[in-house]
Amino acid sequence: MKQILIVCTFIMSTFGFAQSAEKAEALLNDVYSKAKAYENISIDFKYALNNSAENINQETRGNVIMEGDKYLLNILGVTRIFDGKTLYTISPEDEEVTISSNNTEDENTITPSQMLSFYKEGYSYEMDIIQDVMGRKIQYIKLNPIDTNSEIKQVLLGIDAKTKHIYNLIEIGKNGTKTTLTVNSFKTNEPISKTLFTFDESKYEGYYINRLD
């Protein structure tokens, strides 16, 4: 009898997890489809980095404009322009521009152009808690890397249940580092310059141009 109960419990929990994964995938696909329908997205956000063991507690603000795979990201005094093929990292403090055909400096980093689609490969997911944030219902989805060697332990994606827009993204590393990106404003289909994602080297005369490729 005990063995039967154990088997039944296992089957029910497995079925429940499968349902949770299906619901999570459906919600993620809704968010992705809605975002892809916009011509462009402009986001102002708060970025927090915490690691209690290393006594690290940093907080800053930034903004990003995305159009398809292209993006213009400003954070920590650095501007990153990705034109769909090439990434330009501009550091006025160092008077340096780094040019690379790679859209990420770290394969474990979720870049702006991947923010809406990173879940499609390399993660399993399930529905998590619902939180009330100033009258907004935020549904969290828990994403776990399939690769056991990943430096990422877990990702929590908070989604506004009404608008289907991303509210925040919490990434927890195996080293105890927790990074949180919280959306302060989310605007769509804004008028933007045709040259917004074009790097103009003439504007950076005197800068050291570091070409990695």
Foldseek 3Di string as FASTA:
>chain_A
DVVVVVVVVVVVVVVVQVVQQVVVVVLLVVLLVVQLPFQKKKFKKKKWKDFVVVPDTDIDIWIKMDGQLWMWIDDPQWIWTDPPQKIWIQHPVQLAIEIDRDPDPDPLDQDPNCPSPVQVPFWGKGWDDWDQDVNFTWTKMKIAGPDPPRQWGIKIWTAGPVPSYTQKIWTAGPSRMIMIMGTPDMDTDDDDDPCPRPDDCVVSPPGHYHYPD
